[in-house]
Protein backbone atom coordinates (compact mmCIF):
# COMPACT_ATOMS: atom_id res chain seq x y z
CA MET A 1 0.00 0.00 0.00
CA PRO A 2 1.38 3.46 -0.87
CA ALA A 3 2.08 5.70 2.13
CA LYS A 4 -0.61 8.27 2.76
CA ARG A 5 0.40 11.92 2.73
CA VAL A 6 -1.20 15.28 3.49
CA VAL A 7 0.40 18.47 2.18
CA VAL A 8 -0.87 21.87 3.28
CA ALA A 9 -0.06 24.77 0.98
CA ALA A 10 1.58 27.99 2.07
CA PRO A 11 0.87 30.80 1.78
CA ARG A 12 -2.82 30.27 2.50
CA GLY A 13 -5.55 32.01 4.45
CA TYR A 14 -5.64 35.64 5.52
CA CYS A 15 -4.00 38.21 3.29
CA ALA A 16 -3.03 41.70 4.45
CA GLY A 17 -6.23 43.29 3.15
CA VAL A 18 -8.50 40.76 4.86
CA ASP A 19 -6.60 41.00 8.14
CA ARG A 20 -6.89 44.80 8.03
CA ALA A 21 -10.63 44.66 7.33
CA VAL A 22 -11.42 42.17 10.09
CA VAL A 23 -9.29 44.03 12.64
CA THR A 24 -10.99 47.27 11.57
CA VAL A 25 -14.40 45.93 12.62
CA GLU A 26 -12.99 44.48 15.86
CA ARG A 27 -11.31 47.75 16.84
CA ALA A 28 -14.37 49.80 15.83
CA LEU A 29 -16.42 47.67 18.23
CA ASP A 30 -13.82 48.35 20.94
CA VAL A 31 -13.87 52.11 20.36
CA TYR A 32 -17.54 52.78 19.70
CA GLY A 33 -19.15 49.77 21.35
CA PRO A 34 -21.82 47.71 19.60
CA PRO A 35 -23.60 47.94 17.35
CA VAL A 36 -21.24 48.81 14.51
CA TYR A 37 -22.84 48.42 11.09
CA VAL A 38 -21.00 46.84 8.15
CA ARG A 39 -22.17 47.28 4.57
CA LYS A 40 -22.04 43.83 2.88
CA GLN A 41 -19.86 41.05 4.27
CA ILE A 42 -16.62 42.58 5.53
CA VAL A 43 -14.83 39.69 3.79
CA HIS A 44 -16.33 36.74 1.96
CA ASN A 45 -16.22 34.17 4.72
CA ARG A 46 -19.29 32.98 6.60
CA HIS A 47 -17.43 32.08 9.79
CA VAL A 48 -15.70 35.46 10.04
CA VAL A 49 -19.03 37.23 9.59
CA GLU A 50 -20.75 35.07 12.21
CA ASP A 51 -17.93 35.69 14.70
CA LEU A 52 -18.16 39.45 14.23
CA GLU A 53 -21.96 39.32 14.52
CA ALA A 54 -21.53 37.60 17.88
CA ARG A 55 -19.35 40.52 18.98
CA GLY A 56 -21.97 43.10 18.01
CA ALA A 57 -21.45 43.87 14.32
CA ILE A 58 -24.60 44.20 12.23
CA PHE A 59 -24.22 43.37 8.55
CA VAL A 60 -26.51 45.13 6.09
CA GLU A 61 -26.90 45.00 2.34
CA GLU A 62 -27.47 48.72 1.80
CA LEU A 63 -27.07 51.94 3.75
CA ASP A 64 -30.81 52.57 4.09
CA GLU A 65 -30.74 49.81 6.74
CA VAL A 66 -28.32 51.84 8.88
CA PRO A 67 -29.83 54.33 11.39
CA THR A 68 -29.00 57.98 10.73
CA GLY A 69 -25.82 59.03 12.50
CA ALA A 70 -24.62 55.46 13.17
CA THR A 71 -21.13 54.11 12.43
CA VAL A 72 -20.76 51.99 9.30
CA VAL A 73 -17.74 50.12 7.96
CA PHE A 74 -17.28 49.64 4.23
CA SER A 75 -16.07 46.15 3.32
CA ALA A 76 -12.67 45.14 1.96
CA HIS A 77 -14.14 44.88 -1.55
CA GLY A 78 -14.67 48.63 -1.91
CA VAL A 79 -17.65 50.82 -2.73
CA SER A 80 -18.56 53.27 -5.46
CA PRO A 81 -18.51 57.07 -5.05
CA ALA A 82 -22.32 56.94 -4.98
CA VAL A 83 -22.21 54.91 -1.75
CA HIS A 84 -19.81 57.40 -0.15
CA ALA A 85 -22.14 60.23 -1.18
CA GLU A 86 -25.19 58.46 0.25
CA ALA A 87 -23.41 57.91 3.56
CA ALA A 88 -22.46 61.58 3.77
CA ALA A 89 -26.02 62.67 2.91
CA ARG A 90 -27.42 60.51 5.71
CA GLY A 91 -24.92 61.72 8.29
CA LEU A 92 -23.33 58.31 8.77
CA LYS A 93 -19.91 57.97 10.39
CA THR A 94 -17.93 55.89 7.91
CA ILE A 95 -14.82 53.77 8.25
CA ASP A 96 -13.49 52.64 4.89
CA ALA A 97 -11.90 49.17 5.14
CA THR A 98 -11.42 48.84 1.37
CA CYS A 99 -8.26 46.86 0.65
CA PRO A 100 -5.55 49.27 -0.53
CA LEU A 101 -4.95 47.02 -3.55
CA VAL A 102 -8.61 47.48 -4.54
CA THR A 103 -8.28 51.23 -4.01
CA LYS A 104 -5.34 51.11 -6.43
CA VAL A 105 -7.65 49.70 -9.14
CA HIS A 106 -10.23 52.42 -8.37
CA ASN A 107 -7.56 55.07 -8.84
CA GLU A 108 -6.46 53.53 -12.13
CA ALA A 109 -10.06 53.56 -13.35
CA LYS A 110 -10.39 57.26 -12.51
CA ARG A 111 -7.09 58.08 -14.20
CA PHE A 112 -7.82 56.13 -17.39
CA SER A 113 -11.31 57.59 -17.58
CA GLY A 114 -9.89 61.08 -17.13
CA GLN A 115 -7.62 60.43 -20.10
CA GLY A 116 -10.66 59.70 -22.26
CA LEU A 117 -9.97 55.95 -22.48
CA GLN A 118 -12.55 53.19 -22.65
CA ILE A 119 -11.76 50.70 -19.87
CA LEU A 120 -12.14 46.95 -20.33
CA LEU A 121 -12.61 45.59 -16.80
CA ILE A 122 -11.97 41.86 -16.49
CA GLY A 123 -14.04 40.46 -13.63
CA HIS A 124 -17.25 38.80 -12.48
CA ALA A 125 -20.62 40.52 -12.88
CA GLY A 126 -22.31 41.21 -9.56
CA HIS A 127 -19.14 40.92 -7.47
CA GLU A 128 -18.92 43.79 -4.99
CA GLU A 129 -15.42 44.70 -6.09
CA VAL A 130 -16.50 44.99 -9.73
CA GLU A 131 -19.50 47.12 -8.74
CA GLY A 132 -17.28 49.48 -6.74
CA THR A 133 -14.70 49.86 -9.51
CA THR A 134 -17.36 50.33 -12.18
CA GLY A 135 -18.91 53.06 -10.05
CA GLU A 136 -15.74 55.15 -10.39
CA ALA A 137 -16.29 55.57 -14.15
CA PRO A 138 -19.57 53.93 -15.17
CA GLU A 139 -19.69 55.57 -18.61
CA SER A 140 -16.19 54.38 -19.47
CA ILE A 141 -16.15 50.75 -18.25
CA THR A 142 -17.09 47.61 -20.16
CA LEU A 143 -17.04 44.31 -18.25
CA ILE A 144 -15.28 41.26 -19.70
CA GLU A 145 -16.07 38.04 -17.81
CA HIS A 146 -14.44 35.34 -19.94
CA PRO A 147 -11.79 35.06 -22.67
CA ASP A 148 -14.49 34.06 -25.16
CA ASP A 149 -16.23 37.41 -24.58
CA VAL A 150 -13.42 39.10 -26.50
CA ASP A 151 -14.53 37.71 -29.87
CA ALA A 152 -17.81 39.63 -29.92
CA LEU A 153 -16.46 42.77 -28.22
CA GLU A 154 -16.98 46.05 -30.05
CA VAL A 155 -15.42 49.34 -28.96
CA ASP A 156 -15.81 52.97 -29.99
CA ASP A 157 -12.12 53.62 -30.65
CA PRO A 158 -9.60 50.73 -30.66
CA ASP A 159 -6.78 53.25 -30.19
CA LYS A 160 -8.21 54.52 -26.90
CA LEU A 161 -8.47 51.38 -24.78
CA ALA A 162 -7.08 50.29 -21.42
CA TRP A 163 -7.68 47.20 -19.31
CA LEU A 164 -8.02 46.57 -15.58
CA THR A 165 -8.98 43.52 -13.52
CA GLN A 166 -10.72 42.44 -10.37
CA THR A 167 -8.02 41.56 -7.83
CA THR A 168 -9.10 37.94 -7.15
CA LEU A 169 -9.16 36.32 -10.59
CA SER A 170 -7.45 33.25 -12.01
CA VAL A 171 -4.01 34.39 -13.11
CA ASP A 172 -3.94 31.99 -16.07
CA GLU A 173 -7.45 32.76 -17.35
CA THR A 174 -6.85 36.50 -17.02
CA SER A 175 -3.61 36.16 -18.96
CA GLU A 176 -5.52 34.42 -21.74
CA THR A 177 -8.15 37.17 -21.78
CA VAL A 178 -5.50 39.89 -21.98
CA SER A 179 -3.68 38.02 -24.77
CA ARG A 180 -6.87 37.87 -26.79
CA LEU A 181 -7.60 41.54 -26.13
CA ARG A 182 -4.10 42.55 -27.18
CA ALA A 183 -4.32 40.47 -30.37
CA LYS A 184 -7.60 42.18 -31.27
CA PHE A 185 -6.63 45.67 -30.07
CA PRO A 186 -2.84 46.16 -30.48
CA ALA A 187 -2.96 49.69 -28.99
CA LEU A 188 -4.40 48.37 -25.69
CA ILE A 189 -2.89 50.18 -22.69
CA ASP A 190 -1.79 48.16 -19.63
CA PRO A 191 -2.34 49.19 -16.01
CA PRO A 192 0.84 50.53 -14.37
CA SER A 193 1.20 47.29 -12.39
CA ASP A 194 -0.58 43.97 -12.03
CA ASP A 195 -4.11 44.30 -10.61
CA ILE A 196 -4.48 40.67 -9.47
CA CYS A 197 -3.27 40.97 -5.90
CA TYR A 198 -0.10 39.37 -4.57
CA ALA A 199 -2.07 37.09 -2.23
CA THR A 200 -4.28 35.73 -5.00
CA GLN A 201 -1.23 35.01 -7.14
CA ASN A 202 0.72 33.44 -4.28
CA ARG A 203 -2.15 31.16 -3.23
CA GLN A 204 -2.69 30.00 -6.78
CA GLY A 205 1.04 29.37 -7.18
CA ALA A 206 1.14 27.38 -3.94
CA VAL A 207 -1.76 25.22 -5.13
CA LYS A 208 -0.06 24.55 -8.47
CA GLN A 209 3.00 23.41 -6.54
CA ILE A 210 1.13 20.57 -4.82
CA ALA A 211 -1.92 19.83 -6.98
CA ALA A 212 -0.15 17.66 -9.56
CA HIS A 213 0.87 15.27 -6.76
CA SER A 214 -2.54 15.20 -5.06
CA ASP A 215 -5.30 12.65 -5.50
CA LEU A 216 -7.56 15.17 -3.76
CA MET A 217 -7.35 18.91 -3.11
CA ILE A 218 -9.51 20.42 -0.39
CA VAL A 219 -9.92 24.20 -0.54
CA VAL A 220 -11.34 25.82 2.59
CA GLY A 221 -13.39 28.89 1.72
CA SER A 222 -16.93 30.17 1.40
CA ARG A 223 -19.08 29.81 -1.69
CA ASN A 224 -19.09 33.56 -2.40
CA SER A 225 -15.31 33.87 -2.08
CA SER A 226 -14.03 34.49 -5.60
CA ASN A 227 -10.43 33.64 -4.78
CA SER A 228 -11.43 30.37 -3.04
CA VAL A 229 -13.52 29.23 -6.01
CA ARG A 230 -10.59 30.05 -8.31
CA LEU A 231 -8.29 27.83 -6.19
CA VAL A 232 -10.49 24.79 -6.94
CA GLU A 233 -10.28 25.55 -10.66
CA VAL A 234 -6.52 26.09 -10.48
CA ALA A 235 -6.03 22.80 -8.62
CA LEU A 236 -7.89 20.82 -11.29
CA GLU A 237 -6.06 22.59 -14.12
CA ALA A 238 -2.74 21.87 -12.39
CA GLY A 239 -3.38 18.12 -12.26
CA ALA A 240 -5.26 17.30 -9.05
CA LYS A 241 -7.43 14.23 -9.65
CA ALA A 242 -10.27 15.82 -7.67
CA ALA A 243 -10.80 19.15 -5.91
CA HIS A 244 -13.57 20.41 -3.63
CA ARG A 245 -14.35 23.62 -1.75
CA VAL A 246 -15.67 23.39 1.80
CA ASP A 247 -16.60 26.02 4.37
CA ASN A 248 -15.19 23.87 7.16
CA ALA A 249 -14.41 20.27 8.12
CA SER A 250 -18.09 19.39 8.54
CA GLU A 251 -18.57 19.74 4.79
CA VAL A 252 -15.87 17.21 3.89
CA ASP A 253 -17.54 14.12 2.39
CA LEU A 254 -15.63 11.12 3.71
CA ALA A 255 -16.44 9.31 0.46
CA TRP A 256 -13.94 11.68 -1.18
CA LEU A 257 -11.19 9.88 0.76
CA ASP A 258 -11.92 6.43 -0.70
CA GLY A 259 -8.87 5.22 -2.61
CA VAL A 260 -7.01 8.45 -1.90
CA ASP A 261 -3.39 8.41 -0.74
CA SER A 262 -2.30 12.02 -1.18
CA VAL A 263 -4.37 15.03 -0.08
CA GLY A 264 -3.51 18.67 -0.61
CA VAL A 265 -5.16 21.32 1.59
CA THR A 266 -5.28 25.08 1.23
CA SER A 267 -7.60 28.01 1.95
CA GLY A 268 -8.75 31.24 0.39
CA ALA A 269 -7.52 34.67 1.44
CA SER A 270 -10.41 35.32 3.85
CA VAL A 271 -10.21 32.07 5.83
CA PRO A 272 -9.02 31.82 9.46
CA ASP A 273 -6.36 29.11 9.83
CA SER A 274 -8.43 27.42 12.55
CA LEU A 275 -10.77 26.20 9.80
CA VAL A 276 -7.86 24.64 7.91
CA GLN A 277 -6.70 22.97 11.10
CA GLY A 278 -10.17 21.48 11.48
CA VAL A 279 -9.82 19.81 8.08
CA LEU A 280 -6.34 18.52 8.96
CA ASP A 281 -7.68 17.10 12.23
CA LEU A 282 -10.46 15.35 10.33
CA LEU A 283 -7.97 13.78 7.94
CA GLN A 284 -5.87 12.52 10.85
CA ALA A 285 -8.97 11.05 12.47
CA ASN A 286 -9.53 9.11 9.26
CA GLY A 287 -6.14 7.48 8.94
CA PHE A 288 -4.00 10.21 7.38
CA PRO A 289 -0.72 11.39 8.91
CA PRO A 290 -0.01 14.92 10.18
CA ALA A 291 0.30 17.42 7.36
CA VAL A 292 3.57 18.52 5.81
CA GLU A 293 3.68 22.18 4.78
CA GLU A 294 5.06 23.20 1.39
CA ARG A 295 5.75 26.93 1.20
CA LEU A 296 6.00 28.80 -2.08
CA VAL A 297 7.02 32.22 -0.73
CA GLU A 298 7.06 34.19 2.50
CA GLU A 299 4.51 36.97 2.89
CA ASN A 300 5.21 39.88 5.20
CA LEU A 301 3.05 42.69 3.81
CA THR A 302 0.83 44.54 6.29
CA PHE A 303 -1.54 47.48 5.86
CA ALA A 304 -2.22 50.24 8.38
CA LEU A 305 -5.75 50.54 9.72
CA PRO A 306 -8.02 53.13 8.04
CA PRO A 307 -6.94 56.67 9.02
CA GLU A 308 -10.34 57.60 10.47
CA LEU A 309 -10.10 54.63 12.86
CA ARG A 310 -6.48 55.37 13.76
CA ARG A 311 -7.50 58.89 14.80
CA GLU A 312 -10.24 57.53 17.06
CA LEU A 313 -7.85 55.00 18.61
CA ARG A 314 -5.33 57.75 19.35
CA ARG A 315 -8.04 59.86 20.98
CA ALA A 316 -9.15 56.89 23.07
CA GLU A 317 -5.56 56.24 24.18
CA GLN A 318 -5.05 59.90 25.09
CA ALA A 319 -8.29 59.93 27.09
CA GLU A 320 -7.17 56.87 29.03
CA GLY A 321 -3.71 58.38 29.58
């Protein structure tokens, strides 16, 4: 019988933007006391949201659910200028937890639009990040969801085009889309730097490193987490014999383990590592050895908390002092 093996990918789990967003809500609850309102899920992970709800956060879909004058946190995925304007009009105290790498894409959209360029935004319709970016220049942005969409694409001026992307896409599929766009529109202008965030790229690279040697890949992440869903696709494309996404260990179907000797485990960028550990514990309870970690790169990027929250924290510290 071949020896069984479990490999856990690294990096995995929380990225700098997710960590900043979650800590923002936690510290806002400390400073203001509950309730603190959060527009949309602060990050796309059910367990994180439920934990923050238990601490006193109230998650809403739109600002009209927030009482006038209350404190509201904007999620890591970003919001459009119209949402900022609505908050100001209703007298809401806002804390913007948008990931700085998403803000970068917003700024690129504003700059390209200001230059009179039509922007081809590669991303998923309905995703909060795409809605926020589109809101920066709605008259200038055309959404591209799939490489095949390029064939039927028509533009006003092929010499005045630029492209941007959602930060959590498949690196390989996005590269294919851009290649097709560039073949069709040779004057296409690139963003100043890659829009797919470092964490998305690193987690996909780490999965590629272990997927080809895995009978089964288990990706921990919520259904609405774009980067988690992409990891399942990347694992299959990289050679994993099977790959499944689960929210936690309770969703692992033990039938998946039949005939399996090698299991790879990873998690999306909004997943606490405790949920990964739960999957590893389940595997050990079913005859697999402790996991071996394979690390692609070290990550040490951190982001400062939103400035409006930092000011409040300083005031609170001075008051205590």
